[in-house]
N, C-alpha and C. Protein backbone atom coordinates (compact mmCIF):
# COMPACT_ATOMS: atom_id res chain seq x y z
N MET A 1 -58.47 181.39 174.55
CA MET A 1 -57.57 181.04 173.23
C MET A 1 -57.49 182.07 172.13
N LEU A 2 -58.55 182.72 172.03
CA LEU A 2 -58.39 183.88 170.88
C LEU A 2 -57.63 184.96 171.22
N ARG A 3 -57.68 185.20 172.54
CA ARG A 3 -56.84 186.22 173.23
C ARG A 3 -55.31 186.01 173.02
N GLU A 4 -55.03 184.49 173.39
CA GLU A 4 -53.56 184.44 173.29
C GLU A 4 -53.26 184.29 171.67
N GLN A 5 -54.05 184.10 170.85
CA GLN A 5 -53.74 184.19 169.50
C GLN A 5 -53.52 185.51 169.07
N LEU A 6 -54.29 186.55 169.49
CA LEU A 6 -54.08 187.96 169.07
C LEU A 6 -52.72 188.33 169.79
N GLU A 7 -52.59 187.90 170.97
CA GLU A 7 -51.46 188.56 171.78
C GLU A 7 -50.14 187.93 171.01
N GLN A 8 -50.12 186.66 170.41
CA GLN A 8 -48.79 186.25 169.73
C GLN A 8 -48.78 186.92 168.46
N ARG A 9 -50.02 187.33 167.80
CA ARG A 9 -49.79 188.10 166.54
C ARG A 9 -49.32 189.44 166.64
N VAL A 10 -49.70 190.02 167.76
CA VAL A 10 -49.08 191.45 167.99
C VAL A 10 -47.66 191.18 168.34
N ARG A 11 -47.18 190.17 169.20
CA ARG A 11 -45.55 190.12 169.36
C ARG A 11 -45.02 189.67 168.16
N ASP A 12 -45.54 189.04 167.11
CA ASP A 12 -44.85 188.86 165.81
C ASP A 12 -44.80 189.96 164.90
N LEU A 13 -45.92 190.89 164.77
CA LEU A 13 -45.83 191.89 164.26
C LEU A 13 -44.95 193.16 164.59
N LYS A 14 -44.76 193.14 166.14
CA LYS A 14 -44.02 193.99 166.67
C LYS A 14 -42.59 193.70 166.24
N ALA A 15 -42.05 192.27 166.33
CA ALA A 15 -40.93 191.94 166.09
C ALA A 15 -40.62 192.05 164.46
N GLU A 16 -41.54 191.89 163.79
CA GLU A 16 -41.25 191.99 162.33
C GLU A 16 -41.03 193.75 162.04
N TYR A 17 -41.74 194.46 162.60
CA TYR A 17 -41.88 195.73 162.51
C TYR A 17 -40.20 196.36 163.08
N ALA A 18 -39.80 195.90 163.98
CA ALA A 18 -38.51 196.15 164.63
C ALA A 18 -37.49 195.92 163.53
N ALA A 19 -37.45 194.45 162.97
CA ALA A 19 -36.63 193.95 161.97
C ALA A 19 -36.69 194.86 160.73
N GLY A 20 -37.83 195.51 160.28
CA GLY A 20 -37.98 196.34 159.21
C GLY A 20 -37.43 197.52 159.47
N GLN A 21 -37.66 198.07 160.62
CA GLN A 21 -37.00 199.58 161.13
C GLN A 21 -35.40 199.40 161.05
N THR A 22 -34.94 198.26 161.77
CA THR A 22 -33.40 198.02 161.51
C THR A 22 -32.85 198.01 160.28
N MET A 23 -33.73 197.23 159.19
CA MET A 23 -33.05 197.11 157.78
C MET A 23 -33.22 198.35 157.32
N LEU A 24 -34.46 199.19 157.41
CA LEU A 24 -34.36 200.67 156.90
C LEU A 24 -33.20 201.59 157.46
N THR A 25 -32.85 201.50 158.71
CA THR A 25 -31.90 202.20 159.02
C THR A 25 -30.51 201.91 158.30
N ASP A 26 -30.19 200.54 158.21
CA ASP A 26 -29.04 199.93 157.41
C ASP A 26 -29.18 200.50 155.98
N LEU A 27 -30.17 200.28 155.38
CA LEU A 27 -30.23 200.92 154.08
C LEU A 27 -29.94 202.49 153.96
N GLU A 28 -30.50 203.20 154.94
CA GLU A 28 -30.25 204.59 154.81
C GLU A 28 -28.83 204.95 155.00
N THR A 29 -28.21 204.21 156.14
CA THR A 29 -26.76 204.42 156.07
C THR A 29 -25.83 203.88 154.92
N ARG A 30 -26.21 202.85 154.27
CA ARG A 30 -25.75 202.43 152.96
C ARG A 30 -25.79 203.31 151.88
N GLN A 31 -27.16 204.11 151.86
CA GLN A 31 -27.49 205.21 150.88
C GLN A 31 -26.46 206.21 151.05
N ALA A 32 -26.41 206.85 152.27
CA ALA A 32 -25.44 207.86 152.68
C ALA A 32 -24.04 207.57 152.16
N THR A 33 -23.57 206.47 152.61
CA THR A 33 -22.12 205.97 152.34
C THR A 33 -21.99 206.04 150.81
N LEU A 34 -22.91 205.41 150.16
CA LEU A 34 -22.76 205.34 148.62
C LEU A 34 -22.68 206.77 147.81
N ARG A 35 -23.69 207.65 148.62
CA ARG A 35 -23.54 208.88 147.70
C ARG A 35 -22.47 209.67 148.13
N ASP A 36 -21.75 209.50 149.25
CA ASP A 36 -20.64 210.08 149.47
C ASP A 36 -19.51 209.52 148.61
N THR A 37 -19.48 208.30 148.28
CA THR A 37 -18.35 207.61 147.80
C THR A 37 -18.66 208.20 146.12
N LEU A 38 -19.99 208.19 145.79
CA LEU A 38 -20.14 208.90 144.27
C LEU A 38 -19.69 210.21 144.24
N LEU A 39 -19.82 211.01 145.32
CA LEU A 39 -19.43 212.32 145.19
C LEU A 39 -18.06 212.45 145.02
N ARG A 40 -17.21 211.63 145.93
CA ARG A 40 -15.74 211.63 145.71
C ARG A 40 -15.43 211.25 144.31
N ILE A 41 -15.87 210.23 143.76
CA ILE A 41 -15.76 209.94 142.56
C ILE A 41 -15.76 210.85 141.48
N SER A 42 -16.98 211.59 141.50
CA SER A 42 -17.12 212.47 140.76
C SER A 42 -16.17 213.65 140.75
N GLY A 43 -15.81 214.08 141.83
CA GLY A 43 -14.90 215.03 142.27
C GLY A 43 -13.43 214.74 141.57
N ALA A 44 -13.24 213.35 141.66
CA ALA A 44 -11.96 212.88 141.27
C ALA A 44 -11.96 213.03 139.61
N ILE A 45 -12.94 212.77 139.08
CA ILE A 45 -13.29 212.75 137.55
C ILE A 45 -13.15 214.05 137.23
N GLN A 46 -13.70 215.01 137.78
CA GLN A 46 -13.57 216.51 137.59
C GLN A 46 -12.09 216.79 137.27
N VAL A 47 -11.46 216.60 138.56
CA VAL A 47 -10.06 217.02 138.75
C VAL A 47 -9.13 216.32 137.48
N LEU A 48 -9.39 214.96 137.29
CA LEU A 48 -8.63 214.46 136.23
C LEU A 48 -8.98 214.99 134.98
N GLU A 49 -10.25 215.29 134.65
CA GLU A 49 -10.53 215.90 133.33
C GLU A 49 -9.76 217.23 133.10
N GLU A 50 -9.84 217.94 134.25
CA GLU A 50 -9.21 219.46 134.25
C GLU A 50 -7.70 219.31 134.04
N GLU A 51 -7.15 218.34 134.61
CA GLU A 51 -5.66 217.88 134.29
C GLU A 51 -5.36 217.48 133.16
N LEU A 52 -6.26 216.54 132.49
CA LEU A 52 -6.21 216.07 130.98
C LEU A 52 -6.27 217.13 130.10
N ALA A 53 -7.31 218.14 130.38
CA ALA A 53 -7.30 219.36 129.38
C ALA A 53 -6.25 220.25 129.37
N LYS A 54 -5.26 220.39 130.60
CA LYS A 54 -4.06 220.81 130.63
C LYS A 54 -2.99 220.38 129.77
N VAL A 55 -3.00 218.91 129.88
CA VAL A 55 -2.07 218.07 129.10
C VAL A 55 -2.21 218.02 127.68
N VAL A 56 -3.44 217.92 127.25
CA VAL A 56 -3.63 217.51 125.73
C VAL A 56 -3.38 218.60 124.90
N PRO A 57 -3.78 219.90 125.32
CA PRO A 57 -3.33 221.20 124.41
C PRO A 57 -2.00 221.12 124.40
N ALA A 58 -1.34 221.07 125.61
CA ALA A 58 0.28 220.92 125.31
C ALA A 58 0.97 219.95 124.33
N ALA A 59 0.13 218.65 124.35
CA ALA A 59 0.97 217.63 123.55
C ALA A 59 0.38 217.67 122.04
N ALA A 60 -0.72 218.36 122.10
CA ALA A 60 -1.33 218.32 120.54
C ALA A 60 -0.29 218.86 119.50
N PRO A 61 0.41 220.01 119.84
CA PRO A 61 1.20 220.71 118.76
C PRO A 61 2.31 219.80 118.43
N ALA A 62 2.72 219.04 119.47
CA ALA A 62 3.91 218.04 119.49
C ALA A 62 3.26 216.91 118.38
N LEU A 63 2.12 216.58 118.57
CA LEU A 63 1.56 215.33 117.81
C LEU A 63 1.40 215.90 116.36
N ALA A 64 0.96 217.00 116.12
CA ALA A 64 0.68 217.41 114.93
C ALA A 64 1.62 217.43 113.61
N PRO A 65 3.12 217.79 114.11
CA PRO A 65 4.08 217.57 113.19
C PRO A 65 4.30 216.22 112.72
N SER A 66 4.47 215.24 113.88
CA SER A 66 4.82 213.94 113.63
C SER A 66 3.81 213.42 112.72
N ALA A 67 2.48 213.76 113.05
CA ALA A 67 1.03 213.13 112.36
C ALA A 67 1.38 213.56 110.78
N ALA A 68 1.79 214.83 110.59
CA ALA A 68 2.02 215.34 109.25
C ALA A 68 3.22 214.41 108.49
N ALA A 69 4.05 214.33 109.44
CA ALA A 69 5.31 213.58 108.68
C ALA A 69 5.00 212.20 108.55
N SER A 70 4.21 211.53 109.17
CA SER A 70 3.79 210.11 109.04
C SER A 70 2.88 210.18 107.81
N ASP A 71 1.94 211.19 107.65
CA ASP A 71 1.10 211.17 106.52
C ASP A 71 1.95 211.24 105.25
N THR A 72 3.06 212.10 105.11
CA THR A 72 3.86 212.25 104.06
C THR A 72 4.64 211.02 103.85
N SER A 73 5.04 210.30 104.93
CA SER A 73 5.97 209.20 104.84
C SER A 73 5.20 207.85 104.41
N LEU A 74 3.79 208.01 104.50
CA LEU A 74 3.06 206.96 104.03
C LEU A 74 2.88 206.54 102.63
N PRO A 75 2.71 207.72 101.86
CA PRO A 75 2.44 207.36 100.35
C PRO A 75 3.83 207.26 99.80
N HIS A 76 4.88 207.74 100.39
CA HIS A 76 6.25 207.25 99.96
C HIS A 76 6.68 205.64 100.14
N SER A 77 6.15 205.26 101.50
CA SER A 77 6.47 203.86 101.52
C SER A 77 5.43 202.96 100.77
N SER A 78 4.25 203.58 100.32
CA SER A 78 3.56 202.63 99.63
C SER A 78 3.85 202.56 98.15
N GLU A 79 4.75 203.65 97.70
CA GLU A 79 5.15 203.74 96.33
C GLU A 79 6.25 202.86 96.33
N GLY A 80 7.38 202.71 97.22
CA GLY A 80 8.23 201.84 97.29
C GLY A 80 8.05 200.39 97.31
N VAL A 81 6.79 199.98 97.75
CA VAL A 81 6.31 198.66 97.83
C VAL A 81 5.77 198.23 96.63
């Protein structure tokens, strides 16, 4: 009877071990996939930031005169009210 209990416990532990190995393999695969996704997102962020840096300086001179014009028009509109 003791032998049967020990054999059953060994079978149970082997099944649990196999299930754990399967879960570990799955998690490692998911980790690699997530790492690749984050790397792609990081690259996309870098490209977009570089493109944004090209666009913002080109747009800044165009915004500066209109900002100055709106600054000068605001006191005049306040005086009229």
